[in-house]
Amino acid sequence: MFALRTGDGTAARAAESQVHLAQAVVTFTLACQAVSSGTPRAGELVPSHAPLFRGLAWIAALSLAGVVATGVVPALPRWFGLAEPLFLGATLAWFALLAAGLASVP
């Protein structure tokens, strides 16, 4: 996905942008689904981190909704720069917390 740049408004970038967008949609959806469905089990495996898992799952879900809204609602594209990093940070933190928690379990 990183090799495909987003569009700059020219026809030459239009196809590349569409592929990038399709890959981003699939990747973001799968990441959010993994966080959402994995939160209960992660909380069981690392009970001390359960509230953090739940909080990060909510942040991921809401920020993904924000990413979608910025692409759909004409007045919101300027908020994409906030929604996307928030989503990426929340999912990254969730997986890092899970890894750290599992590494500390005897």
PDB file of N, CA and C in Angstrom:
ATOM      1  N   MET A   1       0.825  -1.183   0.000  1.00  0.00           N
ATOM      2  CA  MET A   1       0.000   0.000   0.000  1.00  0.00           C
ATOM      3  C   MET A   1       0.871   1.249   0.000  1.00  0.00           C
ATOM      4  N   PHE A   2       2.032   1.199   0.653  1.00  0.00           N
ATOM      5  CA  PHE A   2       2.881   2.378   0.718  1.00  0.00           C
ATOM      6  C   PHE A   2       3.456   2.748  -0.647  1.00  0.00           C
ATOM      7  N   ALA A   3       3.573   1.790  -1.540  1.00  0.00           N
ATOM      8  CA  ALA A   3       4.105   2.066  -2.874  1.00  0.00           C
ATOM      9  C   ALA A   3       3.095   2.816  -3.739  1.00  0.00           C
ATOM     10  N   LEU A   4       1.837   2.722  -3.381  1.00  0.00           N
ATOM     11  CA  LEU A   4       0.783   3.373  -4.154  1.00  0.00           C
ATOM     12  C   LEU A   4       0.454   4.719  -3.526  1.00  0.00           C
ATOM     13  N   ARG A   5       0.702   5.760  -4.261  1.00  0.00           N
ATOM     14  CA  ARG A   5       0.418   7.099  -3.748  1.00  0.00           C
ATOM     15  C   ARG A   5      -1.043   7.450  -3.949  1.00  0.00           C
ATOM     16  N   THR A   6      -1.512   8.328  -3.098  1.00  0.00           N
ATOM     17  CA  THR A   6      -2.884   8.794  -3.265  1.00  0.00           C
ATOM     18  C   THR A   6      -2.913   9.835  -4.372  1.00  0.00           C
ATOM     19  N   GLY A   7      -4.076  10.078  -4.874  1.00  0.00           N
ATOM     20  CA  GLY A   7      -4.232  10.939  -6.043  1.00  0.00           C
ATOM     21  C   GLY A   7      -3.884  12.390  -5.810  1.00  0.00           C
ATOM     22  N   ASP A   8      -3.399  12.995  -6.848  1.00  0.00           N
ATOM     23  CA  ASP A   8      -3.121  14.425  -6.817  1.00  0.00           C
ATOM     24  C   ASP A   8      -4.059  15.172  -7.758  1.00  0.00           C
ATOM     25  N   GLY A   9      -5.108  14.474  -8.179  1.00  0.00           N
ATOM     26  CA  GLY A   9      -6.089  15.103  -9.042  1.00  0.00           C
ATOM     27  C   GLY A   9      -5.865  14.859 -10.520  1.00  0.00           C
ATOM     28  N   THR A  10      -4.734  14.270 -10.880  1.00  0.00           N
ATOM     29  CA  THR A  10      -4.460  14.007 -12.287  1.00  0.00           C
ATOM     30  C   THR A  10      -4.966  12.626 -12.663  1.00  0.00           C
ATOM     31  N   ALA A  11      -5.241  12.446 -13.935  1.00  0.00           N
ATOM     32  CA  ALA A  11      -5.742  11.159 -14.411  1.00  0.00           C
ATOM     33  C   ALA A  11      -4.695  10.065 -14.253  1.00  0.00           C
ATOM     34  N   ALA A  12      -3.425  10.431 -14.304  1.00  0.00           N
ATOM     35  CA  ALA A  12      -2.358   9.435 -14.178  1.00  0.00           C
ATOM     36  C   ALA A  12      -2.366   8.770 -12.814  1.00  0.00           C
ATOM     37  N   ARG A  13      -2.802   9.454 -11.799  1.00  0.00           N
ATOM     38  CA  ARG A  13      -2.818   8.911 -10.438  1.00  0.00           C
ATOM     39  C   ARG A  13      -4.172   8.313 -10.057  1.00  0.00           C
ATOM     40  N   ALA A  14      -5.168   8.439 -10.866  1.00  0.00           N
ATOM     41  CA  ALA A  14      -6.513   7.998 -10.508  1.00  0.00           C
ATOM     42  C   ALA A  14      -6.574   6.497 -10.239  1.00  0.00           C
ATOM     43  N   ALA A  15      -6.019   5.682 -11.107  1.00  0.00           N
ATOM     44  CA  ALA A  15      -6.054   4.230 -10.913  1.00  0.00           C
ATOM     45  C   ALA A  15      -5.236   3.825  -9.696  1.00  0.00           C
ATOM     46  N   GLU A  16      -4.079   4.443  -9.547  1.00  0.00           N
ATOM     47  CA  GLU A  16      -3.228   4.144  -8.404  1.00  0.00           C
ATOM     48  C   GLU A  16      -3.942   4.516  -7.098  1.00  0.00           C
ATOM     49  N   SER A  17      -4.655   5.614  -7.105  1.00  0.00           N
ATOM     50  CA  SER A  17      -5.400   6.043  -5.924  1.00  0.00           C
ATOM     51  C   SER A  17      -6.516   5.071  -5.582  1.00  0.00           C
ATOM     52  N   GLN A  18      -7.184   4.550  -6.600  1.00  0.00           N
ATOM     53  CA  GLN A  18      -8.276   3.616  -6.353  1.00  0.00           C
ATOM     54  C   GLN A  18      -7.767   2.312  -5.751  1.00  0.00           C
ATOM     55  N   VAL A  19      -6.622   1.839  -6.217  1.00  0.00           N
ATOM     56  CA  VAL A  19      -6.027   0.620  -5.654  1.00  0.00           C
ATOM     57  C   VAL A  19      -5.613   0.881  -4.208  1.00  0.00           C
ATOM     58  N   HIS A  20      -4.992   2.031  -3.964  1.00  0.00           N
ATOM     59  CA  HIS A  20      -4.592   2.406  -2.603  1.00  0.00           C
ATOM     60  C   HIS A  20      -5.813   2.465  -1.689  1.00  0.00           C
ATOM     61  N   LEU A  21      -6.876   3.081  -2.157  1.00  0.00           N
ATOM     62  CA  LEU A  21      -8.095   3.199  -1.369  1.00  0.00           C
ATOM     63  C   LEU A  21      -8.691   1.827  -1.068  1.00  0.00           C
ATOM     64  N   ALA A  22      -8.744   0.961  -2.055  1.00  0.00           N
ATOM     65  CA  ALA A  22      -9.293  -0.382  -1.843  1.00  0.00           C
ATOM     66  C   ALA A  22      -8.466  -1.157  -0.817  1.00  0.00           C
ATOM     67  N   GLN A  23      -7.145  -1.073  -0.927  1.00  0.00           N
ATOM     68  CA  GLN A  23      -6.285  -1.760   0.033  1.00  0.00           C
ATOM     69  C   GLN A  23      -6.441  -1.168   1.434  1.00  0.00           C
ATOM     70  N   ALA A  24      -6.574   0.129   1.521  1.00  0.00           N
ATOM     71  CA  ALA A  24      -6.744   0.777   2.823  1.00  0.00           C
ATOM     72  C   ALA A  24      -8.062   0.357   3.466  1.00  0.00           C
ATOM     73  N   VAL A  25      -9.119   0.310   2.683  1.00  0.00           N
ATOM     74  CA  VAL A  25     -10.427  -0.085   3.217  1.00  0.00           C
ATOM     75  C   VAL A  25     -10.355  -1.507   3.778  1.00  0.00           C
ATOM     76  N   VAL A  26      -9.782  -2.423   3.023  1.00  0.00           N
ATOM     77  CA  VAL A  26      -9.678  -3.813   3.469  1.00  0.00           C
ATOM     78  C   VAL A  26      -8.796  -3.916   4.710  1.00  0.00           C
ATOM     79  N   THR A  27      -7.642  -3.273   4.689  1.00  0.00           N
ATOM     80  CA  THR A  27      -6.706  -3.342   5.806  1.00  0.00           C
ATOM     81  C   THR A  27      -7.301  -2.731   7.072  1.00  0.00           C
ATOM     82  N   PHE A  28      -7.894  -1.558   6.967  1.00  0.00           N
ATOM     83  CA  PHE A  28      -8.469  -0.900   8.138  1.00  0.00           C
ATOM     84  C   PHE A  28      -9.631  -1.714   8.699  1.00  0.00           C
ATOM     85  N   THR A  29     -10.462  -2.264   7.814  1.00  0.00           N
ATOM     86  CA  THR A  29     -11.598  -3.057   8.266  1.00  0.00           C
ATOM     87  C   THR A  29     -11.132  -4.305   9.001  1.00  0.00           C
ATOM     88  N   LEU A  30     -10.150  -4.998   8.449  1.00  0.00           N
ATOM     89  CA  LEU A  30      -9.641  -6.208   9.103  1.00  0.00           C
ATOM     90  C   LEU A  30      -8.974  -5.886  10.440  1.00  0.00           C
ATOM     91  N   ALA A  31      -8.226  -4.808  10.490  1.00  0.00           N
ATOM     92  CA  ALA A  31      -7.578  -4.423  11.750  1.00  0.00           C
ATOM     93  C   ALA A  31      -8.623  -4.088  12.814  1.00  0.00           C
ATOM     94  N   CYS A  32      -9.643  -3.336  12.447  1.00  0.00           N
ATOM     95  CA  CYS A  32     -10.685  -2.974  13.401  1.00  0.00           C
ATOM     96  C   CYS A  32     -11.463  -4.208  13.847  1.00  0.00           C
ATOM     97  N   GLN A  33     -11.716  -5.117  12.928  1.00  0.00           N
ATOM     98  CA  GLN A  33     -12.423  -6.350  13.273  1.00  0.00           C
ATOM     99  C   GLN A  33     -11.592  -7.212  14.219  1.00  0.00           C
ATOM    100  N   ALA A  34     -10.290  -7.286  13.990  1.00  0.00           N
ATOM    101  CA  ALA A  34      -9.411  -8.059  14.866  1.00  0.00           C
ATOM    102  C   ALA A  34      -9.397  -7.463  16.276  1.00  0.00           C
ATOM    103  N   VAL A  35      -9.306  -6.155  16.365  1.00  0.00           N
ATOM    104  CA  VAL A  35      -9.305  -5.487  17.666  1.00  0.00           C
ATOM    105  C   VAL A  35     -10.653  -5.683  18.358  1.00  0.00           C
ATOM    106  N   SER A  36     -11.719  -5.474  17.629  1.00  0.00           N
ATOM    107  CA  SER A  36     -13.054  -5.582  18.206  1.00  0.00           C
ATOM    108  C   SER A  36     -13.363  -6.995  18.691  1.00  0.00           C
ATOM    109  N   SER A  37     -13.128  -7.966  17.849  1.00  0.00           N
ATOM    110  CA  SER A  37     -13.454  -9.338  18.233  1.00  0.00           C
ATOM    111  C   SER A  37     -12.429  -9.931  19.189  1.00  0.00           C
ATOM    112  N   GLY A  38     -11.212  -9.416  19.193  1.00  0.00           N
ATOM    113  CA  GLY A  38     -10.180  -9.943  20.070  1.00  0.00           C
ATOM    114  C   GLY A  38     -10.161  -9.341  21.455  1.00  0.00           C
ATOM    115  N   THR A  39     -10.858  -8.241  21.658  1.00  0.00           N
ATOM    116  CA  THR A  39     -10.827  -7.556  22.950  1.00  0.00           C
ATOM    117  C   THR A  39     -11.309  -8.425  24.107  1.00  0.00           C
ATOM    118  N   PRO A  40     -12.435  -9.125  24.000  1.00  0.00           N
ATOM    119  CA  PRO A  40     -12.848  -9.957  25.146  1.00  0.00           C
ATOM    120  C   PRO A  40     -11.813 -11.028  25.504  1.00  0.00           C
ATOM    121  N   ARG A  41     -11.277 -11.701  24.521  1.00  0.00           N
ATOM    122  CA  ARG A  41     -10.286 -12.749  24.777  1.00  0.00           C
ATOM    123  C   ARG A  41      -8.988 -12.157  25.306  1.00  0.00           C
ATOM    124  N   ALA A  42      -8.569 -11.021  24.771  1.00  0.00           N
ATOM    125  CA  ALA A  42      -7.353 -10.360  25.258  1.00  0.00           C
ATOM    126  C   ALA A  42      -7.524  -9.976  26.720  1.00  0.00           C
ATOM    127  N   GLY A  43      -8.711  -9.512  27.089  1.00  0.00           N
ATOM    128  CA  GLY A  43      -8.991  -9.164  28.478  1.00  0.00           C
ATOM    129  C   GLY A  43      -8.951 -10.364  29.399  1.00  0.00           C
ATOM    130  N   GLU A  44      -9.334 -11.528  28.884  1.00  0.00           N
ATOM    131  CA  GLU A  44      -9.247 -12.768  29.675  1.00  0.00           C
ATOM    132  C   GLU A  44      -7.794 -13.207  29.843  1.00  0.00           C
ATOM    133  N   LEU A  45      -7.017 -13.073  28.784  1.00  0.00           N
ATOM    134  CA  LEU A  45      -5.622 -13.506  28.831  1.00  0.00           C
ATOM    135  C   LEU A  45      -4.765 -12.595  29.704  1.00  0.00           C
ATOM    136  N   VAL A  46      -5.049 -11.304  29.670  1.00  0.00           N
ATOM    137  CA  VAL A  46      -4.289 -10.319  30.450  1.00  0.00           C
ATOM    138  C   VAL A  46      -5.303  -9.450  31.209  1.00  0.00           C
ATOM    139  N   PRO A  47      -5.864  -9.983  32.308  1.00  0.00           N
ATOM    140  CA  PRO A  47      -6.935  -9.262  33.010  1.00  0.00           C
ATOM    141  C   PRO A  47      -6.538  -7.867  33.490  1.00  0.00           C
ATOM    142  N   SER A  48      -5.278  -7.667  33.819  1.00  0.00           N
ATOM    143  CA  SER A  48      -4.861  -6.354  34.312  1.00  0.00           C
ATOM    144  C   SER A  48      -4.954  -5.277  33.231  1.00  0.00           C
ATOM    145  N   HIS A  49      -4.954  -5.688  31.976  1.00  0.00           N
ATOM    146  CA  HIS A  49      -5.007  -4.735  30.867  1.00  0.00           C
ATOM    147  C   HIS A  49      -6.401  -4.638  30.225  1.00  0.00           C
ATOM    148  N   ALA A  50      -7.368  -5.378  30.771  1.00  0.00           N
ATOM    149  CA  ALA A  50      -8.697  -5.434  30.156  1.00  0.00           C
ATOM    150  C   ALA A  50      -9.321  -4.058  29.919  1.00  0.00           C
ATOM    151  N   PRO A  51      -9.264  -3.130  30.881  1.00  0.00           N
ATOM    152  CA  PRO A  51      -9.864  -1.806  30.610  1.00  0.00           C
ATOM    153  C   PRO A  51      -9.160  -1.070  29.468  1.00  0.00           C
ATOM    154  N   LEU A  52      -7.847  -1.233  29.369  1.00  0.00           N
ATOM    155  CA  LEU A  52      -7.117  -0.585  28.276  1.00  0.00           C
ATOM    156  C   LEU A  52      -7.504  -1.184  26.929  1.00  0.00           C
ATOM    157  N   PHE A  53      -7.666  -2.510  26.880  1.00  0.00           N
ATOM    158  CA  PHE A  53      -8.100  -3.143  25.633  1.00  0.00           C
ATOM    159  C   PHE A  53      -9.452  -2.612  25.200  1.00  0.00           C
ATOM    160  N   ARG A  54     -10.381  -2.518  26.155  1.00  0.00           N
ATOM    161  CA  ARG A  54     -11.719  -2.018  25.818  1.00  0.00           C
ATOM    162  C   ARG A  54     -11.670  -0.567  25.348  1.00  0.00           C
ATOM    163  N   GLY A  55     -10.909   0.260  26.038  1.00  0.00           N
ATOM    164  CA  GLY A  55     -10.795   1.666  25.639  1.00  0.00           C
ATOM    165  C   GLY A  55     -10.187   1.829  24.252  1.00  0.00           C
ATOM    166  N   LEU A  56      -9.122   1.099  24.000  1.00  0.00           N
ATOM    167  CA  LEU A  56      -8.483   1.182  22.677  1.00  0.00           C
ATOM    168  C   LEU A  56      -9.404   0.645  21.583  1.00  0.00           C
ATOM    169  N   ALA A  57     -10.188  -0.376  21.899  1.00  0.00           N
ATOM    170  CA  ALA A  57     -11.138  -0.908  20.909  1.00  0.00           C
ATOM    171  C   ALA A  57     -12.183   0.150  20.556  1.00  0.00           C
ATOM    172  N   TRP A  58     -12.665   0.887  21.552  1.00  0.00           N
ATOM    173  CA  TRP A  58     -13.632   1.948  21.288  1.00  0.00           C
ATOM    174  C   TRP A  58     -13.011   3.071  20.469  1.00  0.00           C
ATOM    175  N   ILE A  59     -11.797   3.444  20.826  1.00  0.00           N
ATOM    176  CA  ILE A  59     -11.112   4.499  20.073  1.00  0.00           C
ATOM    177  C   ILE A  59     -10.917   4.070  18.624  1.00  0.00           C
ATOM    178  N   ALA A  60     -10.514   2.808  18.412  1.00  0.00           N
ATOM    179  CA  ALA A  60     -10.313   2.303  17.050  1.00  0.00           C
ATOM    180  C   ALA A  60     -11.614   2.340  16.259  1.00  0.00           C
ATOM    181  N   ALA A  61     -12.696   1.884  16.877  1.00  0.00           N
ATOM    182  CA  ALA A  61     -13.984   1.851  16.174  1.00  0.00           C
ATOM    183  C   ALA A  61     -14.483   3.258  15.838  1.00  0.00           C
ATOM    184  N   LEU A  62     -14.403   4.158  16.801  1.00  0.00           N
ATOM    185  CA  LEU A  62     -14.885   5.522  16.560  1.00  0.00           C
ATOM    186  C   LEU A  62     -14.013   6.265  15.559  1.00  0.00           C
ATOM    187  N   SER A  63     -12.707   6.066  15.642  1.00  0.00           N
ATOM    188  CA  SER A  63     -11.840   6.760  14.686  1.00  0.00           C
ATOM    189  C   SER A  63     -11.982   6.169  13.287  1.00  0.00           C
ATOM    190  N   LEU A  64     -12.264   4.860  13.186  1.00  0.00           N
ATOM    191  CA  LEU A  64     -12.527   4.288  11.860  1.00  0.00           C
ATOM    192  C   LEU A  64     -13.809   4.885  11.288  1.00  0.00           C
ATOM    193  N   ALA A  65     -14.810   5.065  12.133  1.00  0.00           N
ATOM    194  CA  ALA A  65     -16.031   5.743  11.674  1.00  0.00           C
ATOM    195  C   ALA A  65     -15.705   7.160  11.206  1.00  0.00           C
ATOM    196  N   GLY A  66     -14.780   7.809  11.897  1.00  0.00           N
ATOM    197  CA  GLY A  66     -14.342   9.137  11.484  1.00  0.00           C
ATOM    198  C   GLY A  66     -13.629   9.126  10.150  1.00  0.00           C
ATOM    199  N   VAL A  67     -12.792   8.105   9.932  1.00  0.00           N
ATOM    200  CA  VAL A  67     -12.100   7.972   8.641  1.00  0.00           C
ATOM    201  C   VAL A  67     -13.121   7.823   7.520  1.00  0.00           C
ATOM    202  N   VAL A  68     -14.116   6.980   7.750  1.00  0.00           N
ATOM    203  CA  VAL A  68     -15.158   6.776   6.734  1.00  0.00           C
ATOM    204  C   VAL A  68     -15.947   8.065   6.514  1.00  0.00           C
ATOM    205  N   ALA A  69     -16.305   8.731   7.598  1.00  0.00           N
ATOM    206  CA  ALA A  69     -17.085   9.964   7.477  1.00  0.00           C
ATOM    207  C   ALA A  69     -16.326  11.036   6.709  1.00  0.00           C
ATOM    208  N   THR A  70     -15.013  11.127   6.917  1.00  0.00           N
ATOM    209  CA  THR A  70     -14.241  12.143   6.203  1.00  0.00           C
ATOM    210  C   THR A  70     -14.177  11.866   4.710  1.00  0.00           C
ATOM    211  N   GLY A  71     -14.371  10.616   4.319  1.00  0.00           N
ATOM    212  CA  GLY A  71     -14.377  10.286   2.903  1.00  0.00           C
ATOM    213  C   GLY A  71     -15.736  10.428   2.251  1.00  0.00           C
ATOM    214  N   VAL A  72     -16.783  10.468   3.079  1.00  0.00           N
ATOM    215  CA  VAL A  72     -18.147  10.482   2.550  1.00  0.00           C
ATOM    216  C   VAL A  72     -18.790  11.864   2.637  1.00  0.00           C
ATOM    217  N   VAL A  73     -18.616  12.535   3.749  1.00  0.00           N
ATOM    218  CA  VAL A  73     -19.252  13.832   3.971  1.00  0.00           C
ATOM    219  C   VAL A  73     -18.365  14.936   3.385  1.00  0.00           C
ATOM    220  N   PRO A  74     -18.868  15.689   2.432  1.00  0.00           N
ATOM    221  CA  PRO A  74     -18.042  16.689   1.741  1.00  0.00           C
ATOM    222  C   PRO A  74     -17.392  17.731   2.650  1.00  0.00           C
ATOM    223  N   ALA A  75     -17.990  18.039   3.781  1.00  0.00           N
ATOM    224  CA  ALA A  75     -17.445  19.075   4.656  1.00  0.00           C
ATOM    225  C   ALA A  75     -16.353  18.569   5.600  1.00  0.00           C
ATOM    226  N   LEU A  76     -16.099  17.262   5.627  1.00  0.00           N
ATOM    227  CA  LEU A  76     -15.194  16.709   6.630  1.00  0.00           C
ATOM    228  C   LEU A  76     -13.799  16.284   6.180  1.00  0.00           C
ATOM    229  N   PRO A  77     -13.419  16.350   4.927  1.00  0.00           N
ATOM    230  CA  PRO A  77     -12.104  15.818   4.542  1.00  0.00           C
ATOM    231  C   PRO A  77     -10.930  16.393   5.316  1.00  0.00           C
ATOM    232  N   ARG A  78     -11.034  17.603   5.796  1.00  0.00           N
ATOM    233  CA  ARG A  78      -9.897  18.184   6.523  1.00  0.00           C
ATOM    234  C   ARG A  78      -9.649  17.472   7.850  1.00  0.00           C
ATOM    235  N   TRP A  79     -10.634  16.721   8.363  1.00  0.00           N
ATOM    236  CA  TRP A  79     -10.481  15.985   9.619  1.00  0.00           C
ATOM    237  C   TRP A  79      -9.835  14.616   9.426  1.00  0.00           C
ATOM    238  N   PHE A  80      -9.627  14.227   8.175  1.00  0.00           N
ATOM    239  CA  PHE A  80      -8.991  12.933   7.893  1.00  0.00           C
ATOM    240  C   PHE A  80      -7.617  12.858   8.554  1.00  0.00           C
ATOM    241  N   GLY A  81      -6.895  13.972   8.564  1.00  0.00           N
ATOM    242  CA  GLY A  81      -5.564  14.024   9.159  1.00  0.00           C
ATOM    243  C   GLY A  81      -5.563  13.769  10.653  1.00  0.00           C
ATOM    244  N   LEU A  82      -6.705  13.855  11.301  1.00  0.00           N
ATOM    245  CA  LEU A  82      -6.836  13.514  12.712  1.00  0.00           C
ATOM    246  C   LEU A  82      -7.365  12.093  12.876  1.00  0.00           C
ATOM    247  N   ALA A  83      -8.368  11.726  12.095  1.00  0.00           N
ATOM    248  CA  ALA A  83      -9.018  10.429  12.256  1.00  0.00           C
ATOM    249  C   ALA A  83      -8.099   9.262  11.897  1.00  0.00           C
ATOM    250  N   GLU A  84      -7.371   9.374  10.799  1.00  0.00           N
ATOM    251  CA  GLU A  84      -6.529   8.255  10.368  1.00  0.00           C
ATOM    252  C   GLU A  84      -5.394   7.968  11.354  1.00  0.00           C
ATOM    253  N   PRO A  85      -4.610   8.953  11.783  1.00  0.00           N
ATOM    254  CA  PRO A  85      -3.553   8.644  12.753  1.00  0.00           C
ATOM    255  C   PRO A  85      -4.100   8.148  14.094  1.00  0.00           C
ATOM    256  N   LEU A  86      -5.270   8.634  14.482  1.00  0.00           N
ATOM    257  CA  LEU A  86      -5.887   8.163  15.718  1.00  0.00           C
ATOM    258  C   LEU A  86      -6.236   6.679  15.598  1.00  0.00           C
ATOM    259  N   PHE A  87      -6.803   6.293  14.463  1.00  0.00           N
ATOM    260  CA  PHE A  87      -7.122   4.881  14.238  1.00  0.00           C
ATOM    261  C   PHE A  87      -5.854   4.030  14.226  1.00  0.00           C
ATOM    262  N   LEU A  88      -4.872   4.470  13.466  1.00  0.00           N
ATOM    263  CA  LEU A  88      -3.629   3.703  13.374  1.00  0.00           C
ATOM    264  C   LEU A  88      -2.932   3.599  14.728  1.00  0.00           C
ATOM    265  N   GLY A  89      -2.931   4.680  15.485  1.00  0.00           N
ATOM    266  CA  GLY A  89      -2.310   4.660  16.809  1.00  0.00           C
ATOM    267  C   GLY A  89      -3.038   3.747  17.782  1.00  0.00           C
ATOM    268  N   ALA A  90      -4.371   3.782  17.748  1.00  0.00           N
ATOM    269  CA  ALA A  90      -5.156   2.941  18.656  1.00  0.00           C
ATOM    270  C   ALA A  90      -4.965   1.462  18.347  1.00  0.00           C
ATOM    271  N   THR A  91      -4.974   1.097  17.075  1.00  0.00           N
ATOM    272  CA  THR A  91      -4.789  -0.315  16.736  1.00  0.00           C
ATOM    273  C   THR A  91      -3.355  -0.765  17.030  1.00  0.00           C
ATOM    274  N   LEU A  92      -2.393   0.082  16.738  1.00  0.00           N
ATOM    275  CA  LEU A  92      -1.006  -0.250  17.048  1.00  0.00           C
ATOM    276  C   LEU A  92      -0.827  -0.424  18.555  1.00  0.00           C
ATOM    277  N   ALA A  93      -1.387   0.487  19.338  1.00  0.00           N
ATOM    278  CA  ALA A  93      -1.284   0.390  20.799  1.00  0.00           C
ATOM    279  C   ALA A  93      -1.970  -0.863  21.313  1.00  0.00           C
ATOM    280  N   TRP A  94      -3.116  -1.238  20.742  1.00  0.00           N
ATOM    281  CA  TRP A  94      -3.835  -2.442  21.167  1.00  0.00           C
ATOM    282  C   TRP A  94      -2.972  -3.678  20.946  1.00  0.00           C
ATOM    283  N   PHE A  95      -2.400  -3.808  19.749  1.00  0.00           N
ATOM    284  CA  PHE A  95      -1.567  -4.972  19.463  1.00  0.00           C
ATOM    285  C   PHE A  95      -0.287  -4.974  20.293  1.00  0.00           C
ATOM    286  N   ALA A  96       0.304  -3.814  20.517  1.00  0.00           N
ATOM    287  CA  ALA A  96       1.507  -3.729  21.348  1.00  0.00           C
ATOM    288  C   ALA A  96       1.194  -4.092  22.796  1.00  0.00           C
ATOM    289  N   LEU A  97       0.055  -3.627  23.290  1.00  0.00           N
ATOM    290  CA  LEU A  97      -0.369  -3.958  24.648  1.00  0.00           C
ATOM    291  C   LEU A  97      -0.616  -5.460  24.785  1.00  0.00           C
ATOM    292  N   LEU A  98      -1.229  -6.045  23.788  1.00  0.00           N
ATOM    293  CA  LEU A  98      -1.460  -7.486  23.805  1.00  0.00           C
ATOM    294  C   LEU A  98      -0.129  -8.242  23.811  1.00  0.00           C
ATOM    295  N   ALA A  99       0.779  -7.844  22.969  1.00  0.00           N
ATOM    296  CA  ALA A  99       2.078  -8.507  22.910  1.00  0.00           C
ATOM    297  C   ALA A  99       2.821  -8.366  24.250  1.00  0.00           C
ATOM    298  N   ALA A 100       2.820  -7.170  24.794  1.00  0.00           N
ATOM    299  CA  ALA A 100       3.508  -6.961  26.083  1.00  0.00           C
ATOM    300  C   ALA A 100       2.838  -7.746  27.191  1.00  0.00           C
ATOM    301  N   GLY A 101       1.522  -7.764  27.186  1.00  0.00           N
ATOM    302  CA  GLY A 101       0.790  -8.515  28.208  1.00  0.00           C
ATOM    303  C   GLY A 101       1.031 -10.003  28.113  1.00  0.00           C
ATOM    304  N   LEU A 102       1.019 -10.529  26.899  1.00  0.00           N
ATOM    305  CA  LEU A 102       1.267 -11.967  26.719  1.00  0.00           C
ATOM    306  C   LEU A 102       2.704 -12.331  27.054  1.00  0.00           C
ATOM    307  N   ALA A 103       3.630 -11.432  26.797  1.00  0.00           N
ATOM    308  CA  ALA A 103       5.031 -11.701  27.128  1.00  0.00           C
ATOM    309  C   ALA A 103       5.251 -11.754  28.631  1.00  0.00           C
ATOM    310  N   SER A 104       4.395 -11.064  29.384  1.00  0.00           N
ATOM    311  CA  SER A 104       4.557 -11.042  30.837  1.00  0.00           C
ATOM    312  C   SER A 104       3.788 -12.143  31.544  1.00  0.00           C
ATOM    313  N   VAL A 105       2.954 -12.878  30.836  1.00  0.00           N
ATOM    314  CA  VAL A 105       2.182 -13.971  31.442  1.00  0.00           C
ATOM    315  C   VAL A 105       3.093 -15.195  31.581  1.00  0.00           C
ATOM    316  N   PRO A 106       3.121 -15.759  32.785  1.00  0.00           N
ATOM    317  CA  PRO A 106       3.996 -16.930  32.978  1.00  0.00           C
ATOM    318  C   PRO A 106       3.567 -18.141  32.194  1.00  0.00           C
TER     319      PRO A 106
END
